[in-house]
Amino acid sequence: MKTKIILTLLFLISTTAFTQDIVNSTGRVEYFTFEGGFYGIIGDDGINYEPMNLPVQFQEQGCKIKFKGLIRTDVMSIHNWGTIIELLEVELYTEDKSYFEIYEWGVMLGCYNDNVFYNTSRPVQITVVKQPVIYVHSNDDIKFDVKVEFKSGKPEDTYPKVDTDGKTIYWYNVYAHSREEVEKRIINENDWDLVPLKDIIGILNKVDSKCLEFNNVHSKFLFYEGEMEFENKVLVDFDTDLGAVLLANNFDFTIYNVTVTKQLGSFLDPEYVMCHIDSMAAGEKVAFRYENIRDVWTEDLIKLGFSKLESESFTKLWFTPFTQRTNQGGWANLIYRLPECEVEKLISLEINPKPTLTRRVLYTLITIDKIK
């Protein structure tokens, strides 16, 4: 039996104070840990909603709900996550609606004065040329095909292993399923025959996505590596006297989660610091000061819809390479996330049948040497 709660407003709503858009939709309740923690609704209409008054009985991770609410443009939130909504009606949503979602994260490595970058999901100290990990979310078992094409450059490695055709990788008939015995084996065992993934396969597999099977290989992910050309257009300058970093985004698009890390202090007593801004519009210039190192990547991925375990998997691999390259001075790291439309221009991803949602995240890690 569906539980339905109707919320009654106890005050008059001004016709001019804020936009009175009424939303009728369905979605999934998720708990987010940043900024003190809160419950949000990932709407099936593609919009993230931050409810002002979600009843306690619906405050459950993964709870599917049907809701009616009033968009509140007159209210601010410290979470800066979604559209603020005042719920008018809420009920459990039990319709068996299939979903098939693809989540991909990775890092592209390059030097400040070099246009050759490397796509990666592994830390730089393990190998040099690497690329993203693809996870699958689905409430049903499903078989699908994957095509990855490098627009400039070429793939160099895959997992599970598959032949590449010039600039293109094909995985045909990948099976995504949930079988408990396979799940336990994947998470608890490491396949030491994997080269060069053996050092990180445990981290990549300890997530809550679907189990994948391809050519009798079981894992939680698809993995590919490659090299390509990419021109960085974010200029960095350092004001040593003011302890500030000056950035200029010369791309014609917005970049996100922009971070500069470097080492201060002495060789024996290094101090690692960072500067961070959520986004930089095309042509924007900013100056910001150093602060203590903190994790801004797990939070970013969670906001984009990755599960907590997937987001933490990324940070386990990349936090140290992002923030502590060496204890000798004269270096900095520039890190930013490209918009998905730009990722697609670099490396296209085609899934058949087409997923209900595809989320692609590609960070750029640029190493800067010989700074003042």
Protein backbone atom coordinates (compact mmCIF):
# COMPACT_ATOMS: atom_id res chain seq x y z
CA MET A 1 0.00 0.00 0.00
CA LYS A 2 1.30 3.43 -0.86
CA THR A 3 1.86 5.86 1.95
CA LYS A 4 0.76 9.35 0.99
CA ILE A 5 1.43 12.50 2.90
CA ILE A 6 -0.17 15.80 1.98
CA LEU A 7 1.53 18.86 3.42
CA THR A 8 -0.67 21.90 4.06
CA LEU A 9 0.78 25.40 3.90
CA LEU A 10 0.13 27.37 7.07
CA PHE A 11 0.85 30.77 5.52
CA LEU A 12 -0.26 32.85 2.57
CA ILE A 13 2.03 32.86 -0.45
CA SER A 14 2.68 36.22 -2.03
CA THR A 15 1.96 36.41 -5.75
CA THR A 16 5.00 38.61 -6.31
CA ALA A 17 7.58 37.44 -3.78
CA PHE A 18 8.85 34.50 -5.81
CA THR A 19 8.15 32.33 -8.82
CA GLN A 20 5.25 29.96 -8.15
CA ASP A 21 6.19 27.13 -10.47
CA ILE A 22 4.53 23.87 -9.48
CA VAL A 23 6.44 20.65 -10.16
CA ASN A 24 4.95 17.18 -10.40
CA SER A 25 7.65 14.56 -10.72
CA THR A 26 9.27 11.41 -9.39
CA GLY A 27 12.77 10.84 -8.13
CA ARG A 28 15.21 9.15 -5.81
CA VAL A 29 16.13 10.42 -2.34
CA GLU A 30 19.88 10.60 -1.67
CA TYR A 31 21.83 11.72 1.39
CA PHE A 32 24.80 14.02 0.77
CA THR A 33 27.48 14.51 3.43
CA PHE A 34 28.94 17.89 2.47
CA GLU A 35 28.03 21.20 4.16
CA GLY A 36 26.71 19.47 7.27
CA GLY A 37 24.74 16.81 5.39
CA PHE A 38 21.27 16.94 3.80
CA TYR A 39 18.74 14.92 1.81
CA GLY A 40 18.22 15.74 -1.85
CA ILE A 41 15.96 14.40 -4.58
CA ILE A 42 17.50 13.32 -7.88
CA GLY A 43 14.52 13.88 -10.15
CA ASP A 44 13.64 11.58 -13.02
CA ASP A 45 13.12 14.79 -15.02
CA GLY A 46 16.88 15.42 -14.88
CA ILE A 47 16.68 18.10 -12.17
CA ASN A 48 18.18 17.92 -8.67
CA TYR A 49 15.77 19.17 -6.00
CA GLU A 50 16.68 20.28 -2.49
CA PRO A 51 13.49 19.90 -0.41
CA MET A 52 12.78 22.32 2.43
CA ASN A 53 10.45 19.92 4.22
CA LEU A 54 11.05 16.28 3.31
CA PRO A 55 9.09 14.16 5.85
CA VAL A 56 11.24 11.98 8.06
CA GLN A 57 9.71 8.72 6.77
CA PHE A 58 11.07 9.49 3.31
CA GLN A 59 14.54 10.40 4.55
CA GLU A 60 16.05 7.13 3.43
CA GLN A 61 18.90 6.51 0.99
CA GLY A 62 17.54 5.39 -2.38
CA CYS A 63 13.87 5.91 -1.48
CA LYS A 64 11.78 6.36 -4.63
CA ILE A 65 9.09 9.01 -4.29
CA LYS A 66 6.41 10.79 -6.27
CA PHE A 67 6.08 14.41 -5.27
CA LYS A 68 4.39 17.72 -5.95
CA GLY A 69 6.08 20.91 -4.89
CA LEU A 70 6.52 24.63 -5.22
CA ILE A 71 9.81 25.99 -6.59
CA ARG A 72 11.15 28.58 -4.12
CA THR A 73 13.31 31.19 -5.82
CA ASP A 74 13.20 33.41 -2.74
CA VAL A 75 15.18 30.98 -0.57
CA MET A 76 18.96 30.45 -0.51
CA SER A 77 20.86 27.33 0.54
CA ILE A 78 24.44 26.80 1.68
CA HIS A 79 24.53 23.48 -0.17
CA ASN A 80 24.47 25.03 -3.66
CA TRP A 81 23.34 21.68 -5.01
CA GLY A 82 19.88 21.80 -6.54
CA THR A 83 16.62 23.66 -7.08
CA ILE A 84 14.98 24.50 -3.77
CA ILE A 85 11.47 23.08 -3.53
CA GLU A 86 8.73 23.26 -0.90
CA LEU A 87 6.95 19.92 -0.99
CA LEU A 88 3.16 19.93 -1.08
CA GLU A 89 2.52 16.21 -1.57
CA VAL A 90 4.79 13.17 -1.21
CA GLU A 91 4.20 9.47 -1.62
CA LEU A 92 6.22 6.33 -2.16
CA TYR A 93 6.73 5.57 -5.81
CA THR A 94 6.58 1.83 -6.49
CA GLU A 95 6.24 1.73 -10.26
CA ASP A 96 8.80 -0.67 -11.69
CA LYS A 97 10.58 1.75 -13.99
CA SER A 98 13.79 0.48 -15.56
CA TYR A 99 16.88 2.62 -15.55
CA PHE A 100 20.30 2.12 -17.10
CA GLU A 101 22.94 4.69 -16.19
CA ILE A 102 26.61 5.09 -17.15
CA TYR A 103 29.10 6.92 -14.91
CA GLU A 104 32.65 7.55 -16.09
CA TRP A 105 35.48 9.33 -14.31
CA GLY A 106 39.11 9.86 -15.21
CA VAL A 107 42.06 12.23 -15.26
CA MET A 108 44.02 13.68 -18.16
CA LEU A 109 47.69 14.33 -17.40
CA GLY A 110 49.85 16.94 -19.07
CA CYS A 111 52.61 19.47 -18.59
CA TYR A 112 52.05 23.21 -18.56
CA ASN A 113 54.05 23.83 -21.73
CA ASP A 114 53.19 20.58 -23.53
CA ASN A 115 50.08 19.82 -25.57
CA VAL A 116 50.34 16.03 -25.13
CA PHE A 117 48.06 14.81 -22.35
CA TYR A 118 47.43 11.39 -20.92
CA ASN A 119 43.99 10.04 -19.97
CA THR A 120 44.00 8.19 -16.72
CA SER A 121 42.18 6.66 -13.83
CA ARG A 122 45.40 5.70 -12.04
CA PRO A 123 47.92 7.81 -10.15
CA VAL A 124 50.84 9.12 -12.16
CA GLN A 125 53.46 7.26 -10.11
CA ILE A 126 52.08 3.87 -11.24
CA THR A 127 52.06 4.43 -14.98
CA VAL A 128 52.13 7.35 -17.38
CA VAL A 129 49.44 6.74 -19.99
CA LYS A 130 46.01 5.95 -18.54
CA GLN A 131 42.26 6.80 -18.88
CA PRO A 132 38.79 6.66 -17.26
CA VAL A 133 36.80 4.01 -15.49
CA ILE A 134 33.21 3.30 -16.55
CA TYR A 135 30.64 2.14 -13.97
CA VAL A 136 27.12 0.89 -14.71
CA HIS A 137 23.97 1.46 -12.63
CA SER A 138 20.80 -0.45 -13.50
CA ASN A 139 17.87 -2.00 -11.66
CA ASP A 140 17.74 -4.83 -14.20
CA ASP A 141 20.32 -7.18 -15.65
CA ILE A 142 21.25 -5.89 -19.08
CA LYS A 143 23.57 -6.59 -22.03
CA PHE A 144 25.07 -3.68 -23.94
CA ASP A 145 27.81 -2.65 -26.38
CA VAL A 146 30.41 0.07 -25.79
CA LYS A 147 32.28 2.10 -28.39
CA VAL A 148 35.02 4.55 -27.34
CA GLU A 149 36.65 6.68 -30.03
CA PHE A 150 39.65 8.98 -29.63
CA LYS A 151 39.18 12.05 -31.82
CA SER A 152 42.89 12.90 -31.63
CA GLY A 153 45.36 10.31 -30.44
CA LYS A 154 44.91 6.61 -29.81
CA PRO A 155 43.99 4.06 -27.13
CA GLU A 156 46.82 2.01 -25.68
CA ASP A 157 45.32 -0.37 -23.13
CA THR A 158 41.94 -1.72 -22.02
CA TYR A 159 40.41 -3.83 -19.27
CA PRO A 160 38.89 -6.27 -19.84
CA LYS A 161 41.25 -6.78 -22.73
CA VAL A 162 39.83 -6.13 -26.18
CA ASP A 163 41.36 -5.46 -29.57
CA THR A 164 41.45 -1.82 -30.63
CA ASP A 165 40.85 -0.58 -34.15
CA GLY A 166 43.06 2.45 -34.74
CA LYS A 167 41.39 5.14 -32.63
CA THR A 168 38.44 3.02 -31.52
CA ILE A 169 37.73 0.54 -28.72
CA TYR A 170 34.78 -1.87 -28.86
CA TRP A 171 33.33 -3.99 -26.07
CA TYR A 172 30.51 -6.10 -27.50
CA ASN A 173 27.86 -7.84 -25.44
CA VAL A 174 28.95 -6.71 -21.97
CA TYR A 175 26.70 -8.29 -19.34
CA ALA A 176 25.74 -6.18 -16.30
CA HIS A 177 24.21 -8.23 -13.51
CA SER A 178 23.81 -8.65 -9.77
CA ARG A 179 24.85 -12.10 -8.61
CA GLU A 180 25.81 -12.26 -4.97
CA GLU A 181 28.50 -14.92 -5.32
CA VAL A 182 30.23 -12.98 -8.12
CA GLU A 183 29.89 -9.71 -6.21
CA LYS A 184 31.69 -11.16 -3.17
CA ARG A 185 34.47 -12.63 -5.26
CA ILE A 186 35.09 -9.42 -7.20
CA ILE A 187 35.22 -7.24 -4.08
CA ASN A 188 37.22 -9.58 -1.84
CA GLU A 189 39.75 -11.01 -4.28
CA ASN A 190 42.50 -9.37 -6.29
CA ASP A 191 43.49 -10.84 -9.64
CA TRP A 192 47.26 -10.54 -9.44
CA ASP A 193 47.60 -11.51 -13.09
CA LEU A 194 46.28 -8.09 -14.04
CA VAL A 195 49.00 -5.85 -15.41
CA PRO A 196 49.32 -3.01 -14.67
CA LEU A 197 46.02 -2.76 -12.75
CA LYS A 198 47.01 -5.08 -9.92
CA ASP A 199 47.90 -2.25 -7.54
CA ILE A 200 44.52 -0.53 -7.75
CA ILE A 201 41.94 -3.11 -8.81
CA GLY A 202 40.77 -3.51 -5.23
CA ILE A 203 39.95 0.20 -5.00
CA LEU A 204 38.18 0.24 -8.38
CA ASN A 205 36.08 -2.84 -7.52
CA LYS A 206 34.92 -1.77 -4.04
CA VAL A 207 31.93 0.19 -5.29
CA ASP A 208 28.18 -0.36 -5.43
CA SER A 209 27.74 -0.47 -9.21
CA LYS A 210 26.70 -3.47 -11.30
CA CYS A 211 28.99 -6.46 -11.82
CA LEU A 212 30.21 -6.60 -15.41
CA GLU A 213 31.12 -9.71 -17.39
CA PHE A 214 33.02 -9.66 -20.69
CA ASN A 215 34.82 -12.64 -22.24
CA ASN A 216 34.63 -14.52 -18.92
CA VAL A 217 36.28 -11.63 -17.04
CA HIS A 218 34.31 -10.25 -14.07
CA SER A 219 34.81 -6.77 -12.66
CA LYS A 220 32.91 -3.69 -11.51
CA PHE A 221 34.28 -1.48 -14.27
CA LEU A 222 35.45 -1.04 -17.84
CA PHE A 223 38.82 0.62 -18.18
CA TYR A 224 40.77 2.13 -21.04
CA GLU A 225 43.96 4.11 -21.50
CA GLY A 226 45.23 6.31 -24.26
CA GLU A 227 47.12 9.36 -25.34
CA MET A 228 45.95 12.41 -27.21
CA GLU A 229 46.61 16.08 -27.84
CA PHE A 230 44.96 18.79 -25.78
CA GLU A 231 45.81 22.46 -25.48
CA ASN A 232 45.53 23.88 -21.98
CA LYS A 233 44.25 27.46 -22.01
CA VAL A 234 44.23 28.19 -18.28
CA LEU A 235 47.07 30.55 -17.46
CA VAL A 236 48.59 30.53 -13.98
CA ASP A 237 50.75 33.12 -12.26
CA PHE A 238 51.97 33.30 -8.68
CA ASP A 239 52.21 36.41 -6.53
CA THR A 240 54.73 35.35 -3.91
CA ASP A 241 54.53 38.58 -1.93
CA LEU A 242 50.76 38.39 -1.54
CA GLY A 243 50.64 34.60 -1.24
CA ALA A 244 48.08 34.49 -4.04
CA VAL A 245 47.51 32.64 -7.30
CA LEU A 246 46.29 34.43 -10.43
CA LEU A 247 44.27 32.44 -12.97
CA ALA A 248 42.86 33.29 -16.38
CA ASN A 249 40.47 30.96 -18.21
CA ASN A 250 41.17 31.49 -21.91
CA PHE A 251 38.88 28.67 -23.02
CA ASP A 252 35.58 29.62 -24.66
CA PHE A 253 33.69 27.51 -22.10
CA THR A 254 33.30 27.28 -18.32
CA ILE A 255 35.58 24.98 -16.33
CA TYR A 256 34.74 23.55 -12.92
CA ASN A 257 36.28 22.69 -9.54
CA VAL A 258 39.41 24.65 -10.41
CA THR A 259 42.24 23.97 -7.96
CA VAL A 260 45.92 24.89 -7.69
CA THR A 261 48.10 22.99 -5.24
CA LYS A 262 51.73 23.61 -4.35
CA GLN A 263 54.31 23.10 -1.63
CA LEU A 264 55.48 25.82 0.71
CA GLY A 265 57.97 25.54 3.56
CA SER A 266 61.31 23.82 3.53
CA PHE A 267 62.53 20.45 2.28
CA LEU A 268 62.53 19.08 5.85
CA ASP A 269 59.24 20.71 6.83
CA PRO A 270 57.05 20.97 3.71
CA GLU A 271 53.60 22.56 3.83
CA TYR A 272 51.12 21.62 1.12
CA VAL A 273 48.51 24.27 0.29
CA MET A 274 45.78 24.87 -2.27
CA CYS A 275 43.60 27.52 -3.89
CA HIS A 276 40.13 26.57 -5.09
CA ILE A 277 37.13 28.01 -6.92
CA ASP A 278 33.95 26.15 -7.93
CA SER A 279 33.90 27.41 -11.52
CA MET A 280 35.48 29.87 -13.94
CA ALA A 281 33.53 31.25 -16.88
CA ALA A 282 35.09 31.70 -20.31
CA GLY A 283 37.48 34.64 -20.23
CA GLU A 284 37.24 35.04 -16.46
CA LYS A 285 40.26 36.07 -14.37
CA VAL A 286 40.51 35.45 -10.63
CA ALA A 287 43.01 35.87 -7.81
CA PHE A 288 42.75 33.78 -4.68
CA ARG A 289 44.86 32.97 -1.65
CA TYR A 290 46.25 29.74 -0.29
CA GLU A 291 44.27 27.62 2.17
CA ASN A 292 44.73 24.27 3.85
CA ILE A 293 44.47 21.15 1.70
CA ARG A 294 40.97 19.62 1.65
CA ASP A 295 39.09 17.09 -0.45
CA VAL A 296 37.04 18.91 -3.09
CA TRP A 297 36.77 15.98 -5.50
CA THR A 298 34.61 13.50 -3.59
CA GLU A 299 32.04 16.23 -3.00
CA ASP A 300 32.13 17.24 -6.66
CA LEU A 301 31.51 13.70 -7.91
CA ILE A 302 28.67 13.12 -5.46
CA LYS A 303 27.01 16.32 -6.65
CA LEU A 304 27.22 14.95 -10.19
CA GLY A 305 25.39 11.76 -9.21
CA PHE A 306 28.23 9.30 -8.59
CA SER A 307 27.68 7.05 -5.60
CA LYS A 308 29.58 7.72 -2.41
CA LEU A 309 31.77 4.63 -2.92
CA GLU A 310 32.57 5.54 -6.52
CA SER A 311 33.48 9.08 -5.48
CA GLU A 312 35.67 7.85 -2.65
CA SER A 313 37.36 5.38 -5.00
CA PHE A 314 38.43 8.29 -7.19
CA THR A 315 39.77 10.27 -4.25
CA LYS A 316 41.71 7.32 -2.84
CA LEU A 317 43.62 7.14 -6.09
CA TRP A 318 44.04 10.82 -6.82
CA PHE A 319 44.16 12.88 -3.64
CA THR A 320 47.91 12.45 -3.12
CA PRO A 321 48.94 12.96 -6.78
CA PHE A 322 46.73 16.05 -6.89
CA THR A 323 48.11 17.59 -3.70
CA GLN A 324 51.60 16.27 -2.87
CA ARG A 325 53.78 15.76 -5.92
CA THR A 326 57.12 16.10 -4.07
CA ASN A 327 58.53 17.66 -0.92
CA GLN A 328 60.94 19.77 -2.94
CA GLY A 329 59.70 23.24 -3.88
CA GLY A 330 59.32 24.89 -7.25
CA TRP A 331 56.24 23.00 -8.45
CA ALA A 332 52.48 23.38 -8.62
CA ASN A 333 49.52 21.35 -9.89
CA LEU A 334 46.62 22.87 -11.81
CA ILE A 335 43.46 20.73 -11.70
CA TYR A 336 40.09 21.43 -13.29
CA ARG A 337 37.09 19.57 -14.64
CA LEU A 338 36.03 19.90 -18.27
CA PRO A 339 32.33 20.22 -19.21
CA GLU A 340 30.87 17.00 -20.61
CA CYS A 341 30.32 18.48 -24.06
CA GLU A 342 34.07 19.14 -24.32
CA VAL A 343 34.91 15.62 -23.11
CA GLU A 344 32.77 14.23 -25.91
CA LYS A 345 34.76 16.27 -28.45
CA LEU A 346 37.96 14.63 -27.22
CA ILE A 347 36.74 11.06 -26.73
CA SER A 348 33.29 9.96 -27.79
CA LEU A 349 31.39 7.30 -25.86
CA GLU A 350 28.53 5.35 -27.46
CA ILE A 351 26.44 2.81 -25.56
CA ASN A 352 23.88 0.53 -27.20
CA PRO A 353 21.13 0.36 -26.04
CA LYS A 354 21.23 4.04 -25.10
CA PRO A 355 21.38 4.62 -21.32
CA THR A 356 18.73 6.67 -19.54
CA LEU A 357 21.61 8.78 -18.19
CA THR A 358 25.30 9.16 -19.08
CA ARG A 359 27.62 11.14 -16.81
CA ARG A 360 31.21 11.71 -17.97
CA VAL A 361 33.79 13.42 -15.74
CA LEU A 362 37.28 14.21 -16.96
CA TYR A 363 39.67 16.14 -14.76
CA THR A 364 42.78 17.73 -16.18
CA LEU A 365 45.94 17.56 -14.08
CA ILE A 366 48.63 19.93 -15.33
CA THR A 367 52.04 19.86 -13.70
CA ILE A 368 53.85 23.19 -13.45
CA ASP A 369 57.58 23.25 -12.73
CA LYS A 370 60.13 26.00 -12.14
CA ILE A 371 57.73 28.42 -10.50
CA LYS A 372 58.90 31.21 -8.26
